[in-house]
Each structure stands twice: as structure tokens, then as C-alpha cells.
């Protein structure tokens, strides 16, 4: 059982305030520390200050300004062992194929239940394959 003294920190990035609040409300009771950002640009600023503390990036695939995969690339460049979990409300196979399947990242489809969110977060922490390192065939 992995219950270390280190409380895992998740950077949640979504332009919808309701989604950010929901994710925080769902994960905080399970012992996760949540940091919220409304844009990719905001997330980069937060990450630069707190990179050593952030264990997982949970970001929307499609977002105004900076898309989730671009954000993930920038942050994993700064911290290669950062876990990445994408969320998407789009049923667009091209988006999912290009940004998730080809890069070997995990995807959480919106809308999601508390159980689905918790399971995907746990899977992300168990998964050693990261978006930046999965391009090797």
C-alpha cells in the first residue's frame, strides 16, 4: 500500500470553473492536494514556482489559448517524471488519436463520476509511461 508521508499534488487545468471545483471536491477527501489553474499559461506560471511539489498534471485536451497536449509537453520538459492525465468532453476521434493514443497518455472522458476520476488518477500514478517518453516505438 502506497501511503507515504508525501501528499500527492495535482495541478488541475480547465477553463470551466465548475470542472475545477468539482475535481477538487472529488479528490481532496482522498488525500490529494489540488492546485487549480484556469489556463495553460496560468498553469505554466504556477508550475515554475512549485514544480518540485507537483506530481500530476490533470488537464483538458482542448482549451482556449494553450491546448492540454502543448501544456503537457512544456511541463514534462521541465519535469520529465511528471504524470499526465487528460480530460476531454469531445467525442472527436482525431483529437483523442493525435493527443492521447499516439502519445501514450491517459484520458478521462467528461462527464465522469467520482469513481472514474479516482481510478484514472490512481492509474496515472501507477503508469510509468509518460507522454514525452512514449514516442519511442
N, C-alpha and C. Protein backbone atom coordinates (compact mmCIF):
# COMPACT_ATOMS: atom_id res chain seq x y z
N UNK A 1 0.83 -1.19 0.00
CA UNK A 1 0.00 0.00 0.00
C UNK A 1 0.87 1.25 0.00
N UNK A 2 0.66 2.11 -0.94
CA UNK A 2 1.48 3.31 -1.02
C UNK A 2 0.80 4.45 -0.28
N UNK A 3 1.09 4.58 0.99
CA UNK A 3 0.59 5.70 1.77
C UNK A 3 1.79 6.39 2.38
N UNK A 4 2.59 7.00 1.53
CA UNK A 4 3.80 7.66 2.01
C UNK A 4 3.41 8.96 2.70
N UNK A 5 4.40 9.55 3.34
CA UNK A 5 4.14 10.81 4.03
C UNK A 5 3.97 11.96 3.04
N UNK A 6 4.40 11.74 1.79
CA UNK A 6 4.24 12.77 0.77
C UNK A 6 2.81 12.76 0.24
N UNK A 7 2.13 13.87 0.45
CA UNK A 7 0.77 14.02 -0.06
C UNK A 7 0.89 14.38 -1.54
N UNK A 8 0.30 13.59 -2.42
CA UNK A 8 0.43 13.83 -3.85
C UNK A 8 -0.32 15.10 -4.25
N UNK A 9 0.34 15.88 -5.10
CA UNK A 9 -0.21 17.16 -5.54
C UNK A 9 -0.58 17.08 -7.02
N UNK A 10 -1.78 17.54 -7.32
CA UNK A 10 -2.30 17.51 -8.69
C UNK A 10 -2.58 18.93 -9.15
N UNK A 11 -2.02 19.29 -10.30
CA UNK A 11 -2.30 20.57 -10.93
C UNK A 11 -3.45 20.34 -11.90
N UNK A 12 -4.61 20.93 -11.60
CA UNK A 12 -5.82 20.77 -12.41
C UNK A 12 -5.99 22.01 -13.28
N UNK A 13 -6.05 21.78 -14.61
CA UNK A 13 -6.16 22.89 -15.55
C UNK A 13 -7.41 22.70 -16.41
N UNK A 14 -8.35 23.62 -16.27
CA UNK A 14 -9.58 23.59 -17.06
C UNK A 14 -10.13 25.01 -17.09
N UNK A 15 -10.64 25.43 -18.24
CA UNK A 15 -11.17 26.79 -18.34
C UNK A 15 -12.56 26.92 -17.72
N UNK A 16 -13.19 25.80 -17.36
CA UNK A 16 -14.51 25.84 -16.73
C UNK A 16 -14.36 25.78 -15.21
N UNK A 17 -14.77 26.85 -14.50
CA UNK A 17 -14.63 26.87 -13.04
C UNK A 17 -15.36 25.71 -12.37
N UNK A 18 -16.50 25.30 -12.93
CA UNK A 18 -17.26 24.21 -12.33
C UNK A 18 -16.47 22.91 -12.34
N UNK A 19 -15.76 22.66 -13.42
CA UNK A 19 -14.95 21.43 -13.53
C UNK A 19 -13.81 21.47 -12.51
N UNK A 20 -13.13 22.61 -12.41
CA UNK A 20 -12.03 22.73 -11.44
C UNK A 20 -12.54 22.49 -10.02
N UNK A 21 -13.66 23.12 -9.68
CA UNK A 21 -14.22 22.95 -8.33
C UNK A 21 -14.64 21.51 -8.08
N UNK A 22 -15.26 20.89 -9.07
CA UNK A 22 -15.73 19.51 -8.95
C UNK A 22 -14.55 18.56 -8.73
N UNK A 23 -13.52 18.69 -9.54
CA UNK A 23 -12.35 17.82 -9.40
C UNK A 23 -11.72 17.99 -8.02
N UNK A 24 -11.59 19.23 -7.60
CA UNK A 24 -11.01 19.50 -6.27
C UNK A 24 -11.87 18.86 -5.17
N UNK A 25 -13.18 19.04 -5.26
CA UNK A 25 -14.09 18.48 -4.26
C UNK A 25 -14.06 16.96 -4.25
N UNK A 26 -13.85 16.36 -5.41
CA UNK A 26 -13.82 14.90 -5.51
C UNK A 26 -12.50 14.30 -5.00
N UNK A 27 -11.39 14.98 -5.24
CA UNK A 27 -10.09 14.39 -4.92
C UNK A 27 -9.53 14.78 -3.55
N UNK A 28 -9.87 15.95 -3.06
CA UNK A 28 -9.34 16.38 -1.75
C UNK A 28 -9.65 15.39 -0.62
N UNK A 29 -10.87 14.85 -0.55
CA UNK A 29 -11.15 13.89 0.52
C UNK A 29 -10.31 12.60 0.45
N UNK A 30 -9.72 12.35 -0.70
CA UNK A 30 -8.89 11.15 -0.88
C UNK A 30 -7.42 11.43 -0.58
N UNK A 31 -7.14 12.60 -0.02
CA UNK A 31 -5.79 12.91 0.42
C UNK A 31 -4.91 13.62 -0.59
N UNK A 32 -5.46 14.03 -1.71
CA UNK A 32 -4.67 14.75 -2.71
C UNK A 32 -4.70 16.24 -2.42
N UNK A 33 -3.58 16.90 -2.68
CA UNK A 33 -3.51 18.35 -2.61
C UNK A 33 -3.76 18.85 -4.03
N UNK A 34 -4.69 19.77 -4.18
CA UNK A 34 -5.09 20.24 -5.50
C UNK A 34 -4.69 21.69 -5.71
N UNK A 35 -4.07 21.96 -6.85
CA UNK A 35 -3.75 23.32 -7.28
C UNK A 35 -4.55 23.57 -8.55
N UNK A 36 -5.26 24.68 -8.61
CA UNK A 36 -6.14 24.96 -9.75
C UNK A 36 -5.56 26.06 -10.64
N UNK A 37 -5.74 25.86 -11.96
CA UNK A 37 -5.35 26.88 -12.93
C UNK A 37 -6.42 26.93 -14.01
N UNK A 38 -6.75 28.14 -14.46
CA UNK A 38 -7.82 28.29 -15.45
C UNK A 38 -7.34 28.31 -16.89
N UNK A 39 -6.04 28.48 -17.11
CA UNK A 39 -5.48 28.46 -18.46
C UNK A 39 -4.13 27.75 -18.44
N UNK A 40 -3.68 27.37 -19.62
CA UNK A 40 -2.35 26.77 -19.73
C UNK A 40 -1.27 27.74 -19.30
N UNK A 41 -1.43 28.99 -19.68
CA UNK A 41 -0.44 30.00 -19.32
C UNK A 41 -0.34 30.16 -17.80
N UNK A 42 -1.49 30.18 -17.13
CA UNK A 42 -1.53 30.26 -15.67
C UNK A 42 -0.86 29.02 -15.07
N UNK A 43 -1.14 27.85 -15.64
CA UNK A 43 -0.55 26.61 -15.15
C UNK A 43 0.97 26.63 -15.25
N UNK A 44 1.50 27.17 -16.34
CA UNK A 44 2.95 27.24 -16.51
C UNK A 44 3.56 28.12 -15.42
N UNK A 45 2.93 29.26 -15.13
CA UNK A 45 3.43 30.16 -14.07
C UNK A 45 3.44 29.45 -12.72
N UNK A 46 2.34 28.78 -12.41
CA UNK A 46 2.23 28.05 -11.14
C UNK A 46 3.29 26.95 -11.09
N UNK A 47 3.42 26.23 -12.18
CA UNK A 47 4.35 25.11 -12.23
C UNK A 47 5.79 25.56 -12.03
N UNK A 48 6.16 26.68 -12.63
CA UNK A 48 7.53 27.17 -12.49
C UNK A 48 7.87 27.46 -11.02
N UNK A 49 6.87 27.86 -10.24
CA UNK A 49 7.09 28.16 -8.82
C UNK A 49 7.05 26.91 -7.95
N UNK A 50 6.26 25.90 -8.37
CA UNK A 50 6.00 24.75 -7.50
C UNK A 50 6.29 23.41 -8.14
N UNK A 51 7.11 23.36 -9.17
CA UNK A 51 7.34 22.12 -9.93
C UNK A 51 7.73 20.94 -9.05
N UNK A 52 8.58 21.18 -8.08
CA UNK A 52 9.06 20.06 -7.26
C UNK A 52 7.93 19.42 -6.46
N UNK A 53 6.85 20.17 -6.20
CA UNK A 53 5.75 19.66 -5.40
C UNK A 53 4.64 19.01 -6.23
N UNK A 54 4.61 19.25 -7.54
CA UNK A 54 3.51 18.78 -8.38
C UNK A 54 3.84 17.41 -8.96
N UNK A 55 2.93 16.46 -8.72
CA UNK A 55 3.13 15.07 -9.14
C UNK A 55 2.35 14.70 -10.39
N UNK A 56 1.22 15.38 -10.63
CA UNK A 56 0.35 15.02 -11.74
C UNK A 56 -0.27 16.26 -12.36
N UNK A 57 -0.28 16.30 -13.68
CA UNK A 57 -1.00 17.33 -14.43
C UNK A 57 -2.29 16.70 -14.92
N UNK A 58 -3.43 17.27 -14.52
CA UNK A 58 -4.75 16.85 -14.98
C UNK A 58 -5.30 18.01 -15.78
N UNK A 59 -5.32 17.86 -17.12
CA UNK A 59 -5.67 18.99 -17.97
C UNK A 59 -6.64 18.60 -19.06
N UNK A 60 -7.45 19.58 -19.46
CA UNK A 60 -8.36 19.42 -20.58
C UNK A 60 -7.53 19.30 -21.85
N UNK A 61 -7.97 18.46 -22.79
CA UNK A 61 -7.26 18.31 -24.07
C UNK A 61 -7.40 19.59 -24.89
N UNK A 62 -8.64 20.05 -25.02
CA UNK A 62 -8.92 21.22 -25.84
C UNK A 62 -9.22 22.40 -24.92
N UNK A 63 -8.45 23.47 -25.07
CA UNK A 63 -8.64 24.64 -24.22
C UNK A 63 -8.30 25.89 -25.02
N UNK A 64 -8.94 27.00 -24.68
CA UNK A 64 -8.58 28.25 -25.36
C UNK A 64 -7.16 28.64 -24.99
N UNK A 65 -6.47 29.24 -25.93
CA UNK A 65 -5.09 29.63 -25.67
C UNK A 65 -4.16 28.46 -25.90
N UNK A 66 -3.75 27.80 -24.83
CA UNK A 66 -2.81 26.69 -24.91
C UNK A 66 -3.55 25.37 -24.71
N UNK A 67 -3.48 24.49 -25.70
CA UNK A 67 -4.12 23.18 -25.59
C UNK A 67 -3.40 22.31 -24.57
N UNK A 68 -4.13 21.37 -24.01
CA UNK A 68 -3.58 20.48 -22.99
C UNK A 68 -2.29 19.76 -23.40
N UNK A 69 -2.24 19.19 -24.61
CA UNK A 69 -1.01 18.50 -25.01
C UNK A 69 0.21 19.43 -25.10
N UNK A 70 0.00 20.66 -25.53
CA UNK A 70 1.10 21.63 -25.58
C UNK A 70 1.56 21.94 -24.16
N UNK A 71 0.62 22.13 -23.26
CA UNK A 71 0.94 22.37 -21.87
C UNK A 71 1.71 21.17 -21.30
N UNK A 72 1.23 19.98 -21.55
CA UNK A 72 1.89 18.76 -21.04
C UNK A 72 3.33 18.68 -21.56
N UNK A 73 3.53 18.99 -22.84
CA UNK A 73 4.88 18.96 -23.40
C UNK A 73 5.79 19.96 -22.69
N UNK A 74 5.28 21.16 -22.46
CA UNK A 74 6.09 22.19 -21.80
C UNK A 74 6.45 21.78 -20.37
N UNK A 75 5.48 21.25 -19.64
CA UNK A 75 5.73 20.91 -18.24
C UNK A 75 6.58 19.66 -18.08
N UNK A 76 6.41 18.69 -18.97
CA UNK A 76 7.25 17.49 -18.87
C UNK A 76 8.67 17.77 -19.35
N UNK A 77 8.83 18.82 -20.12
CA UNK A 77 10.19 19.26 -20.48
C UNK A 77 10.90 19.76 -19.22
N UNK A 78 10.16 20.46 -18.36
CA UNK A 78 10.71 20.99 -17.11
C UNK A 78 10.86 19.90 -16.04
N UNK A 79 9.94 18.93 -16.08
CA UNK A 79 9.95 17.85 -15.08
C UNK A 79 9.57 16.55 -15.78
N UNK A 80 10.55 15.82 -16.30
CA UNK A 80 10.27 14.62 -17.11
C UNK A 80 9.46 13.53 -16.41
N UNK A 81 9.51 13.45 -15.09
CA UNK A 81 8.76 12.40 -14.40
C UNK A 81 7.34 12.82 -14.02
N UNK A 82 6.90 13.97 -14.49
CA UNK A 82 5.54 14.44 -14.22
C UNK A 82 4.53 13.50 -14.87
N UNK A 83 3.55 13.08 -14.12
CA UNK A 83 2.45 12.27 -14.65
C UNK A 83 1.47 13.20 -15.36
N UNK A 84 0.82 12.68 -16.41
CA UNK A 84 -0.14 13.48 -17.17
C UNK A 84 -1.42 12.68 -17.38
N UNK A 85 -2.54 13.32 -17.08
CA UNK A 85 -3.86 12.74 -17.32
C UNK A 85 -4.69 13.79 -18.03
N UNK A 86 -5.19 13.45 -19.22
CA UNK A 86 -6.02 14.37 -19.99
C UNK A 86 -7.49 14.13 -19.71
N UNK A 87 -8.28 15.21 -19.78
CA UNK A 87 -9.74 15.15 -19.71
C UNK A 87 -10.27 15.68 -21.04
N UNK A 88 -11.38 15.13 -21.50
CA UNK A 88 -11.99 15.68 -22.71
C UNK A 88 -13.48 15.40 -22.73
N UNK A 89 -14.23 16.42 -23.11
CA UNK A 89 -15.66 16.28 -23.31
C UNK A 89 -15.98 16.07 -24.77
N UNK A 90 -14.96 16.07 -25.61
CA UNK A 90 -15.16 15.90 -27.04
C UNK A 90 -15.12 14.43 -27.40
N UNK A 91 -16.03 14.04 -28.28
CA UNK A 91 -16.02 12.68 -28.79
C UNK A 91 -15.38 12.74 -30.18
N UNK A 92 -14.28 13.45 -30.27
CA UNK A 92 -13.60 13.62 -31.54
C UNK A 92 -12.45 12.63 -31.61
N UNK A 93 -12.60 11.64 -32.43
CA UNK A 93 -11.59 10.58 -32.54
C UNK A 93 -10.23 11.14 -32.97
N UNK A 94 -10.21 12.16 -33.82
CA UNK A 94 -8.93 12.72 -34.26
C UNK A 94 -8.19 13.36 -33.10
N UNK A 95 -8.91 14.10 -32.26
CA UNK A 95 -8.28 14.73 -31.10
C UNK A 95 -7.71 13.67 -30.17
N UNK A 96 -8.54 12.67 -29.88
CA UNK A 96 -8.12 11.61 -28.97
C UNK A 96 -6.94 10.85 -29.57
N UNK A 97 -7.02 10.52 -30.85
CA UNK A 97 -5.94 9.77 -31.50
C UNK A 97 -4.63 10.55 -31.49
N UNK A 98 -4.70 11.81 -31.90
CA UNK A 98 -3.48 12.62 -32.02
C UNK A 98 -2.85 12.92 -30.67
N UNK A 99 -3.65 13.34 -29.72
CA UNK A 99 -3.08 13.82 -28.47
C UNK A 99 -2.97 12.78 -27.36
N UNK A 100 -3.77 11.75 -27.44
CA UNK A 100 -3.78 10.79 -26.34
C UNK A 100 -3.19 9.45 -26.76
N UNK A 101 -3.79 8.81 -27.75
CA UNK A 101 -3.34 7.48 -28.15
C UNK A 101 -1.89 7.50 -28.65
N UNK A 102 -1.58 8.42 -29.57
CA UNK A 102 -0.23 8.46 -30.15
C UNK A 102 0.84 8.80 -29.12
N UNK A 103 0.49 9.55 -28.10
CA UNK A 103 1.47 9.93 -27.10
C UNK A 103 1.47 9.00 -25.89
N UNK A 104 0.56 8.05 -25.86
CA UNK A 104 0.53 7.08 -24.77
C UNK A 104 0.04 7.64 -23.45
N UNK A 105 -0.74 8.71 -23.51
CA UNK A 105 -1.25 9.33 -22.29
C UNK A 105 -2.60 8.73 -21.92
N UNK A 106 -3.02 9.01 -20.71
CA UNK A 106 -4.31 8.55 -20.23
C UNK A 106 -5.38 9.60 -20.51
N UNK A 107 -6.62 9.14 -20.71
CA UNK A 107 -7.73 10.04 -21.00
C UNK A 107 -8.90 9.73 -20.09
N UNK A 108 -9.47 10.78 -19.52
CA UNK A 108 -10.68 10.70 -18.72
C UNK A 108 -11.76 11.44 -19.49
N UNK A 109 -12.81 10.72 -19.89
CA UNK A 109 -13.89 11.33 -20.67
C UNK A 109 -14.85 12.08 -19.76
N UNK A 110 -15.21 13.30 -20.19
CA UNK A 110 -16.23 14.09 -19.48
C UNK A 110 -17.58 13.75 -20.07
N UNK A 111 -18.62 13.68 -19.32
CA UNK A 111 -18.65 13.80 -17.86
C UNK A 111 -18.13 12.52 -17.22
N UNK A 112 -17.62 12.64 -16.00
CA UNK A 112 -17.08 11.48 -15.31
C UNK A 112 -17.63 11.42 -13.89
N UNK A 113 -17.61 10.23 -13.35
CA UNK A 113 -18.07 10.02 -11.98
C UNK A 113 -16.87 10.14 -11.03
N UNK A 114 -17.15 10.22 -9.76
CA UNK A 114 -16.09 10.27 -8.75
C UNK A 114 -15.23 9.01 -8.86
N UNK A 115 -15.88 7.87 -9.04
CA UNK A 115 -15.17 6.60 -9.15
C UNK A 115 -14.24 6.61 -10.37
N UNK A 116 -14.72 7.07 -11.51
CA UNK A 116 -13.91 7.12 -12.72
C UNK A 116 -12.71 8.05 -12.55
N UNK A 117 -12.94 9.21 -11.94
CA UNK A 117 -11.86 10.16 -11.70
C UNK A 117 -10.80 9.55 -10.80
N UNK A 118 -11.22 9.00 -9.70
CA UNK A 118 -10.29 8.40 -8.74
C UNK A 118 -9.49 7.27 -9.38
N UNK A 119 -10.17 6.41 -10.15
CA UNK A 119 -9.48 5.29 -10.80
C UNK A 119 -8.45 5.77 -11.81
N UNK A 120 -8.79 6.79 -12.60
CA UNK A 120 -7.84 7.30 -13.61
C UNK A 120 -6.65 7.98 -12.95
N UNK A 121 -6.89 8.70 -11.87
CA UNK A 121 -5.78 9.34 -11.14
C UNK A 121 -4.85 8.27 -10.58
N UNK A 122 -5.44 7.24 -9.99
CA UNK A 122 -4.62 6.15 -9.45
C UNK A 122 -3.83 5.46 -10.56
N UNK A 123 -4.46 5.26 -11.71
CA UNK A 123 -3.79 4.65 -12.85
C UNK A 123 -2.64 5.53 -13.33
N UNK A 124 -2.85 6.83 -13.34
CA UNK A 124 -1.80 7.75 -13.76
C UNK A 124 -0.58 7.66 -12.83
N UNK A 125 -0.82 7.49 -11.54
CA UNK A 125 0.30 7.38 -10.61
C UNK A 125 1.01 6.04 -10.72
N UNK A 126 0.31 5.00 -11.16
CA UNK A 126 0.93 3.68 -11.33
C UNK A 126 1.64 3.58 -12.67
N UNK A 127 1.18 4.35 -13.64
CA UNK A 127 1.67 4.26 -15.01
C UNK A 127 3.04 4.92 -15.14
N UNK A 128 4.06 4.17 -15.52
CA UNK A 128 5.40 4.72 -15.68
C UNK A 128 5.58 5.35 -17.06
N UNK A 129 4.68 5.04 -17.98
CA UNK A 129 4.80 5.54 -19.35
C UNK A 129 4.26 6.96 -19.40
N UNK A 130 5.10 7.90 -19.77
CA UNK A 130 4.71 9.30 -19.80
C UNK A 130 4.63 9.79 -21.24
N UNK A 131 3.92 10.87 -21.45
CA UNK A 131 3.69 11.37 -22.81
C UNK A 131 4.98 11.68 -23.55
N UNK A 132 5.98 12.20 -22.88
CA UNK A 132 7.23 12.56 -23.57
C UNK A 132 8.07 11.34 -23.92
N UNK A 133 7.99 10.30 -23.12
CA UNK A 133 8.86 9.16 -23.32
C UNK A 133 8.21 8.07 -24.16
N UNK A 134 6.93 8.21 -24.46
CA UNK A 134 6.22 7.12 -25.14
C UNK A 134 6.37 7.17 -26.67
N UNK A 135 7.06 8.15 -27.20
CA UNK A 135 7.19 8.25 -28.65
C UNK A 135 8.18 7.22 -29.19
N UNK A 136 8.90 6.57 -28.31
CA UNK A 136 9.82 5.51 -28.75
C UNK A 136 9.01 4.25 -28.97
N UNK A 137 9.08 3.70 -30.16
CA UNK A 137 8.26 2.53 -30.50
C UNK A 137 8.85 1.25 -29.97
